[in-house]
Amino acid sequence: MTDASEPPAIPELSSGLSREEAIALRESFDAEEQARIQQTVAELLDLLGKTHTMAVLSAFAFAEGSLRFSDLEAKLDVAPNTLSTRLQDLTEAGLLDRDAYDEVPPRVEYTPTAKAESLFPVFAHLHHWAIEHEL
């Protein structure tokens, strides 16, 4: 166990922890922190499991900067109401920032937050996996 005043050193996501290293890291936290982390992971997986959420985040992971609703609509085969709901979900989760401009026609841009950008290596890993494997 780690002293509550000194949290364990957390490696960078890109460091590629082995299964054993991941288990050791998880077990280095006290029970309350382990429960918090498990709850956060469960909430993240619930969000990512919603229809088209991964496709929306993937579009941002490989885009340069902000995307407009119309950009996402053109890239993704997603119904407009579903896309709108997913963008709202991701904004409420703190993964996207929404900027509305007072223009005619209205313009809204979505920008990934630092929290979302820290998830983007996951998409690189998934694409790398897909290069080597098929389902």
N, C-alpha and C. Protein backbone atom coordinates (compact mmCIF):
# COMPACT_ATOMS: atom_id res chain seq x y z
N MET A 1 0.83 -1.19 0.00
CA MET A 1 0.00 0.00 0.00
C MET A 1 0.88 1.25 0.00
N THR A 2 0.36 2.27 -0.60
CA THR A 2 1.07 3.53 -0.66
C THR A 2 0.55 4.44 0.42
N ASP A 3 1.43 5.22 1.03
CA ASP A 3 1.04 6.21 2.01
C ASP A 3 0.09 7.19 1.35
N ALA A 4 -1.00 7.56 2.04
CA ALA A 4 -2.02 8.45 1.46
C ALA A 4 -1.44 9.80 1.06
N SER A 5 -0.36 10.22 1.71
CA SER A 5 0.23 11.52 1.36
C SER A 5 1.11 11.44 0.12
N GLU A 6 1.49 10.26 -0.29
CA GLU A 6 2.34 10.08 -1.46
C GLU A 6 1.69 9.14 -2.46
N PRO A 7 0.98 9.69 -3.45
CA PRO A 7 0.39 8.80 -4.45
C PRO A 7 1.48 8.13 -5.27
N PRO A 8 1.19 6.94 -5.78
CA PRO A 8 2.20 6.25 -6.58
C PRO A 8 2.47 6.99 -7.89
N ALA A 9 3.65 6.80 -8.41
CA ALA A 9 3.99 7.40 -9.70
C ALA A 9 3.17 6.69 -10.76
N ILE A 10 2.49 7.47 -11.58
CA ILE A 10 1.65 6.90 -12.62
C ILE A 10 2.37 7.05 -13.95
N PRO A 11 2.65 5.95 -14.62
CA PRO A 11 3.38 6.02 -15.89
C PRO A 11 2.52 6.66 -16.98
N GLU A 12 3.16 7.14 -18.01
CA GLU A 12 2.46 7.70 -19.16
C GLU A 12 1.64 6.60 -19.82
N LEU A 13 0.49 6.99 -20.41
CA LEU A 13 -0.35 6.01 -21.09
C LEU A 13 0.41 5.29 -22.19
N SER A 14 1.31 6.00 -22.85
CA SER A 14 2.02 5.42 -23.98
C SER A 14 3.12 4.45 -23.55
N SER A 15 3.34 4.30 -22.24
CA SER A 15 4.42 3.44 -21.80
C SER A 15 4.13 1.96 -22.00
N GLY A 16 2.89 1.60 -22.25
CA GLY A 16 2.56 0.21 -22.55
C GLY A 16 2.81 -0.72 -21.39
N LEU A 17 2.06 -0.57 -20.31
CA LEU A 17 2.23 -1.44 -19.15
C LEU A 17 1.89 -2.88 -19.49
N SER A 18 2.66 -3.78 -18.92
CA SER A 18 2.32 -5.20 -19.02
C SER A 18 1.12 -5.45 -18.10
N ARG A 19 0.51 -6.60 -18.24
CA ARG A 19 -0.61 -6.97 -17.39
C ARG A 19 -0.19 -6.93 -15.92
N GLU A 20 0.97 -7.48 -15.64
CA GLU A 20 1.47 -7.52 -14.26
C GLU A 20 1.71 -6.12 -13.71
N GLU A 21 2.28 -5.24 -14.54
CA GLU A 21 2.54 -3.87 -14.10
C GLU A 21 1.22 -3.12 -13.86
N ALA A 22 0.23 -3.38 -14.69
CA ALA A 22 -1.08 -2.74 -14.52
C ALA A 22 -1.73 -3.20 -13.21
N ILE A 23 -1.63 -4.49 -12.93
CA ILE A 23 -2.19 -5.03 -11.69
C ILE A 23 -1.46 -4.42 -10.49
N ALA A 24 -0.14 -4.35 -10.54
CA ALA A 24 0.63 -3.77 -9.44
C ALA A 24 0.26 -2.30 -9.23
N LEU A 25 0.10 -1.57 -10.32
CA LEU A 25 -0.28 -0.16 -10.19
C LEU A 25 -1.65 -0.05 -9.54
N ARG A 26 -2.61 -0.83 -10.01
CA ARG A 26 -3.95 -0.77 -9.43
C ARG A 26 -3.92 -1.10 -7.95
N GLU A 27 -3.18 -2.11 -7.59
CA GLU A 27 -3.13 -2.53 -6.19
C GLU A 27 -2.34 -1.58 -5.30
N SER A 28 -1.58 -0.66 -5.90
CA SER A 28 -0.81 0.30 -5.10
C SER A 28 -1.69 1.40 -4.50
N PHE A 29 -2.92 1.51 -4.97
CA PHE A 29 -3.84 2.52 -4.44
C PHE A 29 -4.63 1.94 -3.28
N ASP A 30 -5.05 2.83 -2.36
CA ASP A 30 -5.89 2.35 -1.27
C ASP A 30 -7.27 1.98 -1.80
N ALA A 31 -8.06 1.27 -1.00
CA ALA A 31 -9.35 0.72 -1.44
C ALA A 31 -10.30 1.80 -1.95
N GLU A 32 -10.32 2.94 -1.28
CA GLU A 32 -11.21 4.02 -1.69
C GLU A 32 -10.84 4.56 -3.08
N GLU A 33 -9.55 4.73 -3.31
CA GLU A 33 -9.10 5.23 -4.61
C GLU A 33 -9.32 4.17 -5.70
N GLN A 34 -9.10 2.90 -5.37
CA GLN A 34 -9.39 1.83 -6.33
C GLN A 34 -10.86 1.86 -6.73
N ALA A 35 -11.75 2.05 -5.76
CA ALA A 35 -13.18 2.11 -6.05
C ALA A 35 -13.51 3.30 -6.94
N ARG A 36 -12.89 4.45 -6.68
CA ARG A 36 -13.12 5.65 -7.49
C ARG A 36 -12.66 5.41 -8.93
N ILE A 37 -11.49 4.81 -9.06
CA ILE A 37 -10.94 4.54 -10.40
C ILE A 37 -11.84 3.56 -11.14
N GLN A 38 -12.27 2.51 -10.47
CA GLN A 38 -13.16 1.52 -11.11
C GLN A 38 -14.47 2.18 -11.55
N GLN A 39 -15.02 3.07 -10.73
CA GLN A 39 -16.25 3.77 -11.08
C GLN A 39 -16.04 4.65 -12.31
N THR A 40 -14.91 5.35 -12.35
CA THR A 40 -14.61 6.21 -13.49
C THR A 40 -14.45 5.39 -14.76
N VAL A 41 -13.76 4.26 -14.67
CA VAL A 41 -13.59 3.38 -15.84
C VAL A 41 -14.96 2.86 -16.30
N ALA A 42 -15.80 2.47 -15.37
CA ALA A 42 -17.14 1.97 -15.74
C ALA A 42 -17.94 3.07 -16.44
N GLU A 43 -17.88 4.29 -15.92
CA GLU A 43 -18.60 5.40 -16.55
C GLU A 43 -18.04 5.70 -17.94
N LEU A 44 -16.72 5.65 -18.08
CA LEU A 44 -16.10 5.88 -19.38
C LEU A 44 -16.53 4.81 -20.38
N LEU A 45 -16.50 3.55 -19.96
CA LEU A 45 -16.90 2.47 -20.86
C LEU A 45 -18.38 2.56 -21.23
N ASP A 46 -19.21 2.98 -20.29
CA ASP A 46 -20.63 3.20 -20.61
C ASP A 46 -20.78 4.28 -21.67
N LEU A 47 -20.04 5.37 -21.52
CA LEU A 47 -20.10 6.45 -22.50
C LEU A 47 -19.57 5.99 -23.86
N LEU A 48 -18.42 5.33 -23.87
CA LEU A 48 -17.82 4.88 -25.12
C LEU A 48 -18.66 3.80 -25.79
N GLY A 49 -19.46 3.08 -25.01
CA GLY A 49 -20.29 2.02 -25.55
C GLY A 49 -21.58 2.52 -26.21
N LYS A 50 -21.88 3.79 -26.03
CA LYS A 50 -23.08 4.33 -26.68
C LYS A 50 -22.86 4.38 -28.19
N THR A 51 -23.93 4.15 -28.92
CA THR A 51 -23.87 4.10 -30.37
C THR A 51 -23.19 5.34 -30.94
N HIS A 52 -22.17 5.12 -31.74
CA HIS A 52 -21.43 6.12 -32.50
C HIS A 52 -20.47 7.00 -31.68
N THR A 53 -20.39 6.80 -30.37
CA THR A 53 -19.46 7.62 -29.57
C THR A 53 -18.02 7.40 -30.00
N MET A 54 -17.64 6.15 -30.21
CA MET A 54 -16.26 5.86 -30.62
C MET A 54 -15.97 6.47 -31.98
N ALA A 55 -16.92 6.43 -32.89
CA ALA A 55 -16.72 7.01 -34.22
C ALA A 55 -16.53 8.53 -34.11
N VAL A 56 -17.31 9.17 -33.27
CA VAL A 56 -17.18 10.63 -33.09
C VAL A 56 -15.81 10.95 -32.50
N LEU A 57 -15.42 10.27 -31.44
CA LEU A 57 -14.11 10.53 -30.83
C LEU A 57 -12.97 10.21 -31.78
N SER A 58 -13.12 9.15 -32.56
CA SER A 58 -12.09 8.80 -33.53
C SER A 58 -11.92 9.90 -34.57
N ALA A 59 -13.02 10.50 -34.99
CA ALA A 59 -12.94 11.61 -35.96
C ALA A 59 -12.11 12.75 -35.38
N PHE A 60 -12.30 13.04 -34.10
CA PHE A 60 -11.50 14.10 -33.46
C PHE A 60 -10.05 13.66 -33.27
N ALA A 61 -9.84 12.38 -32.99
CA ALA A 61 -8.48 11.89 -32.75
C ALA A 61 -7.60 12.06 -33.98
N PHE A 62 -8.19 11.98 -35.17
CA PHE A 62 -7.41 12.07 -36.39
C PHE A 62 -7.63 13.38 -37.14
N ALA A 63 -8.31 14.32 -36.51
CA ALA A 63 -8.56 15.63 -37.13
C ALA A 63 -7.55 16.65 -36.63
N GLU A 64 -7.38 17.68 -37.39
CA GLU A 64 -6.54 18.80 -36.98
C GLU A 64 -7.45 19.87 -36.38
N GLY A 65 -7.52 19.93 -35.07
CA GLY A 65 -8.28 20.98 -34.41
C GLY A 65 -9.77 20.72 -34.32
N SER A 66 -10.53 21.82 -34.38
CA SER A 66 -11.97 21.79 -34.18
C SER A 66 -12.70 21.18 -35.37
N LEU A 67 -13.89 20.67 -35.09
CA LEU A 67 -14.77 20.17 -36.14
C LEU A 67 -16.16 20.77 -35.93
N ARG A 68 -16.81 21.05 -37.04
CA ARG A 68 -18.18 21.52 -36.99
C ARG A 68 -19.12 20.33 -37.10
N PHE A 69 -20.36 20.54 -36.70
CA PHE A 69 -21.37 19.50 -36.81
C PHE A 69 -21.42 18.97 -38.24
N SER A 70 -21.40 19.89 -39.20
CA SER A 70 -21.49 19.49 -40.61
C SER A 70 -20.27 18.67 -41.04
N ASP A 71 -19.09 18.96 -40.48
CA ASP A 71 -17.90 18.16 -40.78
C ASP A 71 -18.11 16.71 -40.32
N LEU A 72 -18.61 16.58 -39.09
CA LEU A 72 -18.84 15.24 -38.54
C LEU A 72 -19.94 14.51 -39.30
N GLU A 73 -20.97 15.24 -39.66
CA GLU A 73 -22.08 14.66 -40.41
C GLU A 73 -21.59 14.12 -41.76
N ALA A 74 -20.67 14.85 -42.40
CA ALA A 74 -20.13 14.42 -43.69
C ALA A 74 -19.20 13.22 -43.55
N LYS A 75 -18.44 13.13 -42.43
CA LYS A 75 -17.48 12.05 -42.23
C LYS A 75 -18.13 10.76 -41.74
N LEU A 76 -19.20 10.91 -40.97
CA LEU A 76 -19.77 9.77 -40.27
C LEU A 76 -21.17 9.46 -40.78
N ASP A 77 -21.51 8.20 -40.80
CA ASP A 77 -22.85 7.79 -41.18
C ASP A 77 -23.69 7.71 -39.90
N VAL A 78 -24.05 8.89 -39.38
CA VAL A 78 -24.78 8.98 -38.12
C VAL A 78 -25.97 9.90 -38.34
N ALA A 79 -27.13 9.49 -37.86
CA ALA A 79 -28.32 10.33 -37.96
C ALA A 79 -28.07 11.64 -37.21
N PRO A 80 -28.54 12.77 -37.73
CA PRO A 80 -28.29 14.06 -37.08
C PRO A 80 -28.72 14.13 -35.62
N ASN A 81 -29.86 13.53 -35.28
CA ASN A 81 -30.29 13.58 -33.88
C ASN A 81 -29.36 12.77 -32.98
N THR A 82 -28.86 11.63 -33.48
CA THR A 82 -27.91 10.82 -32.71
C THR A 82 -26.58 11.55 -32.57
N LEU A 83 -26.11 12.16 -33.65
CA LEU A 83 -24.86 12.92 -33.59
C LEU A 83 -24.98 14.06 -32.59
N SER A 84 -26.09 14.75 -32.63
CA SER A 84 -26.32 15.86 -31.69
C SER A 84 -26.28 15.36 -30.24
N THR A 85 -26.92 14.22 -30.00
CA THR A 85 -26.95 13.65 -28.65
C THR A 85 -25.54 13.24 -28.21
N ARG A 86 -24.77 12.59 -29.09
CA ARG A 86 -23.42 12.17 -28.74
C ARG A 86 -22.53 13.38 -28.45
N LEU A 87 -22.64 14.42 -29.26
CA LEU A 87 -21.84 15.63 -29.02
C LEU A 87 -22.21 16.24 -27.67
N GLN A 88 -23.48 16.23 -27.34
CA GLN A 88 -23.92 16.73 -26.04
C GLN A 88 -23.36 15.86 -24.91
N ASP A 89 -23.42 14.53 -25.07
CA ASP A 89 -22.88 13.61 -24.06
C ASP A 89 -21.38 13.87 -23.83
N LEU A 90 -20.64 14.02 -24.93
CA LEU A 90 -19.19 14.22 -24.83
C LEU A 90 -18.85 15.59 -24.25
N THR A 91 -19.68 16.57 -24.54
CA THR A 91 -19.48 17.90 -23.96
C THR A 91 -19.76 17.87 -22.46
N GLU A 92 -20.85 17.22 -22.07
CA GLU A 92 -21.20 17.11 -20.64
C GLU A 92 -20.15 16.32 -19.87
N ALA A 93 -19.50 15.36 -20.52
CA ALA A 93 -18.46 14.55 -19.87
C ALA A 93 -17.13 15.29 -19.80
N GLY A 94 -17.05 16.48 -20.40
CA GLY A 94 -15.81 17.24 -20.37
C GLY A 94 -14.79 16.80 -21.40
N LEU A 95 -15.25 16.07 -22.43
CA LEU A 95 -14.33 15.61 -23.46
C LEU A 95 -14.30 16.53 -24.67
N LEU A 96 -15.34 17.32 -24.85
CA LEU A 96 -15.39 18.29 -25.94
C LEU A 96 -15.80 19.65 -25.39
N ASP A 97 -15.26 20.69 -25.99
CA ASP A 97 -15.73 22.05 -25.75
C ASP A 97 -16.59 22.46 -26.93
N ARG A 98 -17.70 23.13 -26.65
CA ARG A 98 -18.62 23.58 -27.69
C ARG A 98 -18.56 25.10 -27.76
N ASP A 99 -18.25 25.62 -28.94
CA ASP A 99 -18.21 27.06 -29.15
C ASP A 99 -19.24 27.43 -30.20
N ALA A 100 -20.24 28.24 -29.79
CA ALA A 100 -21.28 28.71 -30.71
C ALA A 100 -20.96 30.15 -31.08
N TYR A 101 -21.06 30.43 -32.36
CA TYR A 101 -20.76 31.77 -32.88
C TYR A 101 -22.07 32.42 -33.32
N ASP A 102 -22.21 33.70 -33.01
CA ASP A 102 -23.41 34.45 -33.35
C ASP A 102 -23.33 34.91 -34.79
N GLU A 103 -23.62 33.97 -35.68
CA GLU A 103 -23.55 34.24 -37.12
C GLU A 103 -24.80 33.69 -37.79
N VAL A 104 -25.03 34.13 -39.01
CA VAL A 104 -26.11 33.58 -39.82
C VAL A 104 -25.48 32.99 -41.07
N PRO A 105 -25.63 31.70 -41.33
CA PRO A 105 -26.28 30.71 -40.47
C PRO A 105 -25.43 30.44 -39.22
N PRO A 106 -26.07 29.89 -38.18
CA PRO A 106 -25.33 29.63 -36.94
C PRO A 106 -24.15 28.70 -37.19
N ARG A 107 -23.08 28.95 -36.44
CA ARG A 107 -21.88 28.11 -36.56
C ARG A 107 -21.51 27.61 -35.17
N VAL A 108 -21.35 26.31 -35.06
CA VAL A 108 -20.93 25.69 -33.79
C VAL A 108 -19.73 24.83 -34.09
N GLU A 109 -18.69 24.98 -33.30
CA GLU A 109 -17.49 24.16 -33.44
C GLU A 109 -17.25 23.40 -32.14
N TYR A 110 -16.74 22.20 -32.30
CA TYR A 110 -16.41 21.35 -31.16
C TYR A 110 -14.90 21.11 -31.19
N THR A 111 -14.31 21.24 -30.01
CA THR A 111 -12.87 21.06 -29.87
C THR A 111 -12.61 20.05 -28.77
N PRO A 112 -11.75 19.08 -29.00
CA PRO A 112 -11.44 18.13 -27.93
C PRO A 112 -10.70 18.82 -26.79
N THR A 113 -11.05 18.45 -25.57
CA THR A 113 -10.35 18.96 -24.40
C THR A 113 -9.08 18.15 -24.17
N ALA A 114 -8.27 18.60 -23.25
CA ALA A 114 -7.06 17.85 -22.90
C ALA A 114 -7.43 16.45 -22.40
N LYS A 115 -8.55 16.36 -21.72
CA LYS A 115 -9.02 15.06 -21.22
C LYS A 115 -9.30 14.12 -22.39
N ALA A 116 -9.93 14.62 -23.45
CA ALA A 116 -10.20 13.80 -24.63
C ALA A 116 -8.90 13.45 -25.34
N GLU A 117 -8.03 14.43 -25.47
CA GLU A 117 -6.76 14.19 -26.17
C GLU A 117 -5.93 13.11 -25.49
N SER A 118 -6.08 12.99 -24.17
CA SER A 118 -5.34 11.94 -23.47
C SER A 118 -5.89 10.55 -23.80
N LEU A 119 -7.10 10.48 -24.35
CA LEU A 119 -7.67 9.20 -24.81
C LEU A 119 -7.23 8.84 -26.23
N PHE A 120 -6.76 9.81 -26.98
CA PHE A 120 -6.48 9.59 -28.40
C PHE A 120 -5.46 8.50 -28.69
N PRO A 121 -4.46 8.25 -27.82
CA PRO A 121 -3.56 7.12 -28.09
C PRO A 121 -4.30 5.77 -28.17
N VAL A 122 -5.43 5.68 -27.51
CA VAL A 122 -6.24 4.46 -27.58
C VAL A 122 -6.64 4.21 -29.03
N PHE A 123 -7.01 5.27 -29.75
CA PHE A 123 -7.43 5.11 -31.14
C PHE A 123 -6.25 4.69 -32.02
N ALA A 124 -5.07 5.22 -31.74
CA ALA A 124 -3.88 4.80 -32.48
C ALA A 124 -3.62 3.31 -32.25
N HIS A 125 -3.77 2.85 -31.00
CA HIS A 125 -3.58 1.43 -30.69
C HIS A 125 -4.62 0.58 -31.39
N LEU A 126 -5.87 1.03 -31.41
CA LEU A 126 -6.92 0.26 -32.08
C LEU A 126 -6.67 0.17 -33.58
N HIS A 127 -6.22 1.27 -34.18
CA HIS A 127 -5.93 1.25 -35.62
C HIS A 127 -4.71 0.37 -35.90
N HIS A 128 -3.72 0.41 -35.04
CA HIS A 128 -2.56 -0.46 -35.20
C HIS A 128 -2.98 -1.92 -35.11
N TRP A 129 -3.85 -2.23 -34.15
CA TRP A 129 -4.35 -3.58 -34.00
C TRP A 129 -5.07 -4.01 -35.28
N ALA A 130 -5.89 -3.11 -35.84
CA ALA A 130 -6.66 -3.43 -37.05
C ALA A 130 -5.78 -3.67 -38.26
N ILE A 131 -4.60 -3.07 -38.29
CA ILE A 131 -3.66 -3.32 -39.38
C ILE A 131 -3.22 -4.78 -39.35
N GLU A 132 -3.05 -5.31 -38.15
CA GLU A 132 -2.53 -6.67 -37.98
C GLU A 132 -3.59 -7.75 -37.86
N HIS A 133 -4.83 -7.37 -37.54
CA HIS A 133 -5.88 -8.36 -37.25
C HIS A 133 -7.18 -7.98 -37.94
N GLU A 134 -8.04 -8.99 -38.06
CA GLU A 134 -9.41 -8.78 -38.56
C GLU A 134 -10.37 -9.47 -37.62
N LEU A 135 -11.60 -9.00 -37.60
CA LEU A 135 -12.65 -9.67 -36.82
C LEU A 135 -13.53 -10.45 -37.77
